[in-house]
Protein backbone atom coordinates (compact mmCIF):
# COMPACT_ATOMS: atom_id res chain seq x y z
CA UNK A 1 0.00 0.00 0.00
CA UNK A 2 2.84 2.35 0.89
CA UNK A 3 4.51 1.47 -2.40
CA UNK A 4 1.32 2.51 -4.29
CA UNK A 5 1.22 5.93 -2.64
CA UNK A 6 4.89 6.49 -3.38
CA UNK A 7 4.33 5.74 -7.07
CA UNK A 8 1.28 8.05 -7.16
CA UNK A 9 3.25 10.85 -5.52
CA UNK A 10 6.08 10.54 -8.06
CA UNK A 11 3.53 10.60 -10.90
CA UNK A 12 1.97 13.82 -9.59
CA UNK A 13 5.39 15.43 -9.17
CA UNK A 14 6.28 14.44 -12.73
CA UNK A 15 3.00 15.86 -14.08
CA UNK A 16 3.59 19.19 -12.34
CA UNK A 17 7.15 19.30 -13.69
CA UNK A 18 6.08 18.55 -17.26
CA UNK A 19 3.20 21.06 -17.10
CA UNK A 20 5.51 23.77 -15.83
CA UNK A 21 7.98 23.04 -18.59
CA UNK A 22 5.29 23.18 -21.29
CA UNK A 23 3.87 26.43 -19.89
CA UNK A 24 7.27 28.11 -19.83
CA UNK A 25 8.04 26.84 -23.34
CA UNK A 26 4.80 28.19 -24.81
CA UNK A 27 5.22 31.58 -23.16
CA UNK A 28 8.79 31.84 -24.39
CA UNK A 29 7.61 31.71 -28.03
CA UNK A 30 7.39 35.15 -29.69
CA UNK A 31 3.86 36.55 -30.32
CA UNK A 32 2.63 36.44 -33.88
CA UNK A 33 0.07 39.17 -34.74
CA UNK A 34 -1.79 39.10 -38.04
CA UNK A 35 -3.27 42.35 -39.38
CA UNK A 36 -5.85 43.07 -42.03
CA UNK A 37 -4.40 44.58 -45.18
CA UNK A 38 -5.82 47.79 -46.65
CA UNK A 39 -5.35 49.31 -50.10
CA UNK A 40 -5.58 53.10 -50.60
CA UNK A 41 -8.45 54.01 -52.91
CA UNK A 42 -9.47 57.05 -54.91
CA UNK A 43 -12.64 58.57 -53.55
CA UNK A 44 -14.39 61.68 -52.28
CA UNK A 45 -13.98 63.27 -48.87
CA UNK A 46 -16.85 65.43 -47.68
CA UNK A 47 -16.80 67.26 -44.38
CA UNK A 48 -20.29 68.12 -43.16
CA UNK A 49 -21.96 69.57 -40.11
CA UNK A 50 -25.50 69.10 -38.84
CA UNK A 51 -27.57 72.00 -37.49
CA UNK A 52 -30.64 71.48 -35.33
CA UNK A 53 -33.62 73.78 -35.61
CA UNK A 54 -37.23 74.15 -36.71
CA UNK A 55 -39.34 74.85 -39.77
CA UNK A 56 -40.95 78.27 -39.42
CA UNK A 57 -42.94 80.58 -41.71
CA UNK A 58 -41.05 83.66 -42.79
CA UNK A 59 -44.06 85.89 -42.10
CA UNK A 60 -45.96 84.98 -38.92
CA UNK A 61 -48.25 87.78 -37.74
CA UNK A 62 -50.10 88.18 -34.46
CA UNK A 63 -53.43 89.88 -35.10
CA UNK A 64 -54.35 92.27 -32.29
CA UNK A 65 -57.50 94.36 -31.74
CA UNK A 66 -57.59 98.12 -32.25
CA UNK A 67 -59.98 98.56 -29.36
CA UNK A 68 -60.51 96.99 -25.94
CA UNK A 69 -63.63 94.96 -25.21
CA UNK A 70 -65.09 91.45 -25.16
CA UNK A 71 -65.04 88.93 -28.01
CA UNK A 72 -68.61 88.33 -29.20
CA UNK A 73 -67.90 86.36 -32.38
CA UNK A 74 -65.01 84.34 -33.85
CA UNK A 75 -65.17 83.54 -37.55
CA UNK A 76 -62.05 81.38 -38.00
CA UNK A 77 -60.31 78.41 -36.43
CA UNK A 78 -56.77 76.98 -36.74
CA UNK A 79 -56.19 75.53 -40.19
CA UNK A 80 -58.45 77.98 -42.05
CA UNK A 81 -57.17 79.95 -45.02
CA UNK A 82 -57.92 83.67 -44.89
CA UNK A 83 -57.38 86.62 -47.18
CA UNK A 84 -56.15 90.06 -46.24
CA UNK A 85 -59.09 92.05 -44.87
CA UNK A 86 -61.24 89.07 -43.85
CA UNK A 87 -63.11 89.56 -40.56
CA UNK A 88 -61.60 87.25 -37.94
CA UNK A 89 -63.60 88.30 -34.90
CA UNK A 90 -66.00 90.89 -33.54
CA UNK A 91 -65.61 92.83 -30.31
CA UNK A 92 -68.22 94.37 -28.04
CA UNK A 93 -66.94 97.54 -26.49
CA UNK A 94 -67.16 97.99 -22.73
CA UNK A 95 -66.99 101.77 -22.45
CA UNK A 96 -64.91 103.47 -19.82
CA UNK A 97 -67.12 105.47 -17.45
CA UNK A 98 -65.14 108.69 -17.71
CA UNK A 99 -64.98 108.56 -21.53
CA UNK A 100 -68.69 107.78 -21.76
CA UNK A 101 -69.55 110.65 -19.40
CA UNK A 102 -67.37 113.05 -21.39
CA UNK A 103 -68.95 112.01 -24.69
CA UNK A 104 -72.47 112.37 -23.23
CA UNK A 105 -71.58 115.82 -21.87
CA UNK A 106 -70.44 116.85 -25.34
CA UNK A 107 -73.80 115.75 -26.77
CA UNK A 108 -75.77 117.76 -24.21
CA UNK A 109 -73.58 120.81 -24.83
CA UNK A 110 -74.10 120.45 -28.58
CA UNK A 111 -77.89 120.30 -28.08
CA UNK A 112 -77.84 123.54 -26.07
CA UNK A 113 -75.67 125.24 -28.68
CA UNK A 114 -78.01 124.05 -31.45
CA UNK A 115 -81.09 125.32 -29.65
CA UNK A 116 -79.50 128.74 -29.19
CA UNK A 117 -78.34 128.88 -32.81
CA UNK A 118 -81.79 127.87 -34.03
CA UNK A 119 -83.49 130.54 -31.93
CA UNK A 120 -81.15 133.25 -33.23
CA UNK A 121 -81.57 132.09 -36.79
CA UNK A 122 -85.38 132.19 -36.63
CA UNK A 123 -85.33 135.65 -35.02
CA UNK A 124 -82.89 137.03 -37.59
CA UNK A 125 -84.92 135.47 -40.41
CA UNK A 126 -88.04 137.28 -39.23
CA UNK A 127 -86.17 140.56 -38.92
CA UNK A 128 -84.50 140.03 -42.29
CA UNK A 129 -87.86 139.44 -43.95
CA UNK A 130 -88.96 142.80 -42.51
CA UNK A 131 -85.77 144.45 -43.79
CA UNK A 132 -84.68 145.28 -40.24
CA UNK A 133 -81.35 143.40 -40.18
CA UNK A 134 -78.77 143.14 -42.90
CA UNK A 135 -78.36 140.14 -45.17
CA UNK A 136 -74.86 139.55 -43.77
CA UNK A 137 -76.18 139.21 -40.21
CA UNK A 138 -78.89 136.83 -41.39
CA UNK A 139 -76.41 134.61 -43.29
CA UNK A 140 -74.07 134.55 -40.29
CA UNK A 141 -76.85 133.19 -38.06
CA UNK A 142 -77.69 130.61 -40.74
CA UNK A 143 -74.08 129.45 -40.90
CA UNK A 144 -73.93 129.21 -37.11
CA UNK A 145 -77.07 127.04 -37.15
CA UNK A 146 -75.54 124.63 -39.71
CA UNK A 147 -72.35 124.40 -37.67
CA UNK A 148 -74.34 123.62 -34.51
CA UNK A 149 -76.22 120.88 -36.36
CA UNK A 150 -72.95 119.34 -37.57
CA UNK A 151 -71.45 119.53 -34.07
CA UNK A 152 -74.45 117.67 -32.64
CA UNK A 153 -74.09 114.95 -35.30
CA UNK A 154 -70.38 114.64 -34.53
CA UNK A 155 -71.05 114.53 -30.77
CA UNK A 156 -73.66 111.80 -31.22
CA UNK A 157 -71.28 109.78 -33.43
CA UNK A 158 -68.44 110.16 -30.90
CA UNK A 159 -70.81 109.03 -28.16
CA UNK A 160 -71.82 106.00 -30.26
CA UNK A 161 -68.17 105.10 -30.87
CA UNK A 162 -67.37 105.26 -27.14
CA UNK A 163 -70.46 103.25 -26.21
CA UNK A 164 -70.61 100.74 -29.10
CA UNK A 165 -67.27 101.11 -30.85
CA UNK A 166 -69.08 101.70 -34.15
CA UNK A 167 -69.32 104.87 -36.21
CA UNK A 168 -72.70 105.53 -37.77
CA UNK A 169 -71.00 106.80 -40.91
CA UNK A 170 -68.52 103.93 -41.46
CA UNK A 171 -69.78 100.81 -39.70
CA UNK A 172 -68.00 98.46 -42.14
CA UNK A 173 -64.59 99.81 -41.05
CA UNK A 174 -65.40 99.74 -37.35
CA UNK A 175 -62.62 99.02 -34.87
CA UNK A 176 -64.89 96.34 -33.41
CA UNK A 177 -64.15 94.19 -36.46
CA UNK A 178 -60.79 92.41 -36.14
CA UNK A 179 -59.46 91.83 -39.66
CA UNK A 180 -56.61 89.78 -41.12
CA UNK A 181 -53.70 92.01 -42.03
CA UNK A 182 -52.14 89.37 -44.34
CA UNK A 183 -53.42 86.39 -46.26
CA UNK A 184 -52.39 82.90 -45.19
CA UNK A 185 -53.07 80.01 -42.84
CA UNK A 186 -54.53 80.53 -39.37
CA UNK A 187 -52.05 78.87 -37.01
CA UNK A 188 -53.66 79.66 -33.69
CA UNK A 189 -56.72 81.34 -32.17
CA UNK A 190 -55.84 81.76 -28.48
CA UNK A 191 -59.12 83.49 -27.49
CA UNK A 192 -62.74 82.37 -27.15
CA UNK A 193 -66.10 84.10 -27.26
CA UNK A 194 -66.39 86.05 -24.02
CA UNK A 195 -62.65 86.67 -23.66
CA UNK A 196 -61.70 90.19 -22.65
CA UNK A 197 -59.14 91.76 -25.00
CA UNK A 198 -57.16 94.97 -24.88
CA UNK A 199 -55.60 97.01 -27.63
CA UNK A 200 -51.86 97.51 -27.91
CA UNK A 201 -50.48 100.57 -26.17
CA UNK A 202 -47.28 101.95 -24.69
CA UNK A 203 -47.51 99.74 -21.61
CA UNK A 204 -49.03 96.58 -23.09
CA UNK A 205 -48.50 94.50 -26.23
CA UNK A 206 -52.21 93.89 -26.55
CA UNK A 207 -54.17 90.64 -26.76
CA UNK A 208 -53.45 88.31 -29.68
CA UNK A 209 -56.73 87.30 -31.31
CA UNK A 210 -55.17 85.04 -33.98
CA UNK A 211 -51.83 84.11 -35.49
CA UNK A 212 -51.60 83.98 -39.29
CA UNK A 213 -48.69 82.82 -41.44
CA UNK A 214 -47.88 82.49 -45.12
CA UNK A 215 -47.10 78.75 -45.35
CA UNK A 216 -45.90 79.06 -48.94
CA UNK A 217 -42.80 80.88 -47.72
CA UNK A 218 -41.03 78.76 -45.10
CA UNK A 219 -37.55 78.98 -43.62
CA UNK A 220 -35.29 76.75 -41.55
CA UNK A 221 -34.15 78.46 -38.36
CA UNK A 222 -31.33 76.75 -36.48
CA UNK A 223 -28.12 77.33 -34.56
CA UNK A 224 -24.47 76.53 -35.24
CA UNK A 225 -21.56 76.30 -32.84
CA UNK A 226 -18.92 79.05 -32.89
CA UNK A 227 -16.27 76.52 -33.98
CA UNK A 228 -18.06 76.00 -37.31
CA UNK A 229 -19.81 79.28 -38.00
CA UNK A 230 -16.70 80.67 -39.70
CA UNK A 231 -16.92 77.93 -42.33
CA UNK A 232 -20.47 78.85 -43.33
CA UNK A 233 -21.45 81.56 -45.78
CA UNK A 234 -24.62 83.06 -47.16
CA UNK A 235 -25.66 81.19 -50.28
CA UNK A 236 -24.39 77.75 -49.18
CA UNK A 237 -26.87 74.92 -49.88
CA UNK A 238 -28.14 72.53 -47.23
CA UNK A 239 -30.37 69.47 -47.05
CA UNK A 240 -33.20 69.41 -44.53
CA UNK A 241 -34.29 66.25 -42.67
CA UNK A 242 -37.65 66.46 -40.88
CA UNK A 243 -38.25 63.99 -38.09
CA UNK A 244 -42.03 63.91 -38.53
CA UNK A 245 -41.74 63.43 -42.31
CA UNK A 246 -38.71 61.18 -42.95
CA UNK A 247 -39.58 60.89 -46.64
CA UNK A 248 -39.50 64.68 -47.10
CA UNK A 249 -36.02 66.17 -47.63
CA UNK A 250 -36.36 69.70 -49.01
CA UNK A 251 -33.30 71.68 -49.99
CA UNK A 252 -32.51 75.12 -48.63
CA UNK A 253 -30.04 77.96 -49.07
CA UNK A 254 -28.48 79.92 -46.21
CA UNK A 255 -29.65 83.52 -46.32
CA UNK A 256 -28.73 84.81 -42.87
CA UNK A 257 -25.97 84.19 -40.31
CA UNK A 258 -26.25 86.12 -37.05
CA UNK A 259 -23.38 88.58 -36.55
CA UNK A 260 -23.58 88.07 -32.78
CA UNK A 261 -23.69 84.80 -30.85
CA UNK A 262 -25.69 83.85 -27.79
CA UNK A 263 -24.45 81.78 -24.88
CA UNK A 264 -26.29 78.54 -24.14
CA UNK A 265 -25.10 76.00 -21.60
CA UNK A 266 -21.63 77.50 -21.63
CA UNK A 267 -21.26 77.44 -25.45
CA UNK A 268 -21.64 80.27 -27.96
CA UNK A 269 -24.05 79.60 -30.82
CA UNK A 270 -25.09 81.67 -33.84
CA UNK A 271 -28.53 81.77 -35.42
CA UNK A 272 -28.86 80.55 -39.01
CA UNK A 273 -31.78 81.12 -41.38
CA UNK A 274 -32.21 79.32 -44.69
CA UNK A 275 -34.92 79.68 -47.32
CA UNK A 276 -36.65 76.37 -48.12
CA UNK A 277 -37.37 75.28 -51.66
CA UNK A 278 -40.82 73.75 -51.20
CA UNK A 279 -42.26 74.00 -54.71
CA UNK A 280 -42.59 70.22 -54.85
CA UNK A 281 -43.13 69.58 -51.13
CA UNK A 282 -46.45 69.60 -49.31
CA UNK A 283 -47.60 68.75 -45.82
CA UNK A 284 -45.09 70.92 -43.96
CA UNK A 285 -46.32 72.48 -40.75
CA UNK A 286 -44.94 75.35 -38.71
CA UNK A 287 -42.85 74.18 -35.76
CA UNK A 288 -41.62 70.86 -37.19
CA UNK A 289 -38.25 69.91 -35.68
CA UNK A 290 -35.60 69.52 -38.37
CA UNK A 291 -31.91 68.93 -38.95
CA UNK A 292 -29.94 70.63 -41.70
CA UNK A 293 -26.83 69.06 -43.21
CA UNK A 294 -24.30 71.49 -44.67
CA UNK A 295 -21.24 70.45 -46.67
CA UNK A 296 -18.29 72.43 -45.31
CA UNK A 297 -15.69 71.07 -47.75
CA UNK A 298 -15.52 68.47 -50.52
CA UNK A 299 -12.46 66.92 -52.18
CA UNK A 300 -13.16 64.68 -55.15
CA UNK A 301 -10.94 61.97 -56.63
CA UNK A 302 -8.33 61.96 -53.85
CA UNK A 303 -6.35 59.09 -52.32
CA UNK A 304 -8.10 57.91 -49.16
CA UNK A 305 -7.58 55.48 -46.31
CA UNK A 306 -9.71 54.57 -43.32
CA UNK A 307 -8.77 56.97 -40.54
CA UNK A 308 -8.15 54.00 -38.22
CA UNK A 309 -5.11 53.05 -40.36
CA UNK A 310 -3.36 56.36 -39.57
CA UNK A 311 -1.06 56.72 -36.58
CA UNK A 312 -1.10 60.19 -35.09
CA UNK A 313 2.05 61.20 -33.22
CA UNK A 314 2.05 64.85 -32.22
CA UNK A 315 1.86 66.91 -35.40
CA UNK A 316 3.00 63.98 -37.55
CA UNK A 317 1.07 61.12 -39.15
CA UNK A 318 2.29 57.66 -40.18
CA UNK A 319 1.11 54.48 -41.86
CA UNK A 320 2.60 50.99 -41.75
CA UNK A 321 3.35 49.73 -45.27
CA UNK A 322 3.50 45.95 -45.85
CA UNK A 323 7.01 44.86 -46.91
CA UNK A 324 6.74 41.07 -46.51
CA UNK A 325 4.01 38.56 -45.68
CA UNK A 326 6.00 35.24 -45.60
CA UNK A 327 6.59 33.62 -43.21
CA UNK A 328 4.97 36.48 -41.25
CA UNK A 329 3.83 40.01 -41.92
CA UNK A 330 6.42 42.74 -41.81
CA UNK A 331 5.70 46.48 -42.02
CA UNK A 332 7.63 49.68 -42.48
CA UNK A 333 6.57 52.89 -40.69
CA UNK A 334 6.17 55.56 -43.35
CA UNK A 335 5.37 59.26 -42.69
CA UNK A 336 2.47 60.66 -44.69
CA UNK A 337 0.76 64.02 -45.18
CA UNK A 338 -2.99 63.91 -44.58
CA UNK A 339 -5.78 66.28 -45.58
CA UNK A 340 -9.51 66.43 -45.02
CA UNK A 341 -11.42 63.81 -43.05
CA UNK A 342 -15.08 62.90 -42.91
CA UNK A 343 -14.69 61.03 -39.64
CA UNK A 344 -14.38 57.64 -41.36
CA UNK A 345 -11.96 58.11 -44.23
CA UNK A 346 -9.08 60.56 -44.51
CA UNK A 347 -7.28 62.09 -47.48
CA UNK A 348 -3.61 61.10 -47.97
CA UNK A 349 -1.78 63.82 -49.88
CA UNK A 350 1.83 62.58 -49.79
CA UNK A 351 3.90 59.59 -48.65
CA UNK A 352 2.23 56.62 -50.36
CA UNK A 353 0.45 55.76 -53.57
CA UNK A 354 -2.41 53.45 -54.50
CA UNK A 355 -0.05 50.48 -55.16
CA UNK A 356 1.06 49.91 -51.59
CA UNK A 357 -0.64 47.77 -48.93
CA UNK A 358 -1.20 49.26 -45.49
CA UNK A 359 -1.67 47.67 -42.09
CA UNK A 360 -5.19 47.70 -40.74
CA UNK A 361 -6.84 46.21 -37.66
CA UNK A 362 -5.63 43.11 -35.83
CA UNK A 363 -7.45 40.01 -37.08
CA UNK A 364 -5.46 37.30 -35.26
CA UNK A 365 -3.11 37.23 -32.29
CA UNK A 366 -1.12 33.93 -32.04
CA UNK A 367 1.15 33.01 -29.13
C-alpha cells in the first residue's frame, strides 16, 4: 500500500514538472500578430456639419385688436385659409365710465348750442324778412345754425363710438371688427367668445386674437456652434431632414448668419436662417423639428484610407506599409501628409500611392 502511494506521488510530481515546462516553453515563443491589409483608394472626402432647428414661416403675424372689449364672435379656427381684410372676430366695447360721461356731456352741450343757434336764426330770419337786419347778419346766423347741427351729429357719433365702438358713418370699417392684415393660414386662435381683449399701447403689447402665417414661404431656423460658424457663408446649400416626415427632404439655401452669438449651456451659438425650396413639397407644418446638413468642404478623386489606419504622433502622421508577408507580416513605418477627413476616411496627400498595402486592424493574435 505504501509502495502505491509512493508511485502516485512521483507521478503527480512528474505531471507538475512537465506542465511547468510546457507552460514556460509556450510563453517563451514570440507573439505572432496578423493584421488586415488595406489598399488606398481614390474617392471623395466630404466634411459636413449638422444643425438642429425648426421649420418656421417667414411671415408669422399676431393679429391684435384696435380697441378693448369682449369677443362676441369668432369667424375662424386653426387651419383655415384667410385673405387680407377678412373679418376674424367681432368685439363688443365695454366703455370706460369717464370717456362715456365726457362724450355724453359733449352731446348735451351740442344740443344747447343748437337750440340757441336755431333761436337766433329764426329771429334774424323774421327781422330780415322785414328788412330790419342786414343780409350779412342773417347769413351769419344761418351758418352758425348749420355748424351747430354738424357739431351735434359729430357729438352723437363720438358718443356712439365710445359706447358701441361703431361709427354711424362707417360701420364696415369699425374698430370692433378684427381683420386679417395678411393672407395665409390661421395657425392659432388663443381666445374664445367672451374673452376680454385689450388694444396695444405703450404699456401693453395687446391681446393676440389670432396668429396667421404664409405657409408658402417657409424657412429653416437653427443654430451653429462658434467653432463651425466661420466655415459657413450666405448662399451655401443645405439638405433638410424632418423627423415627422422622414420621406421629405427639401433643400434650402443659407440667407442669414447672425453677426452676434448667444451663450447657451456654456457654449456660444449663432442663429442661421435658410430659405426652403418647397415647390414640390407639401404637408409641412410650422414648428416641425428639423436637422440641416451642410457640406463644409468636398475633395473629389483623392487618395483615401480609413482613418483608423493612420497613426497620429504629435503633429505627424504615419502608416505601416506591408514589406513582406511570408513567413509572417512585416511592415515599415512611413510618414504621410494627410488632408480632409469625414470622420471615417481621410485624405492622404503625400507619402504613399495606391499600389502599396497598409496595415489595418488586428485580425489574429497567435502566441
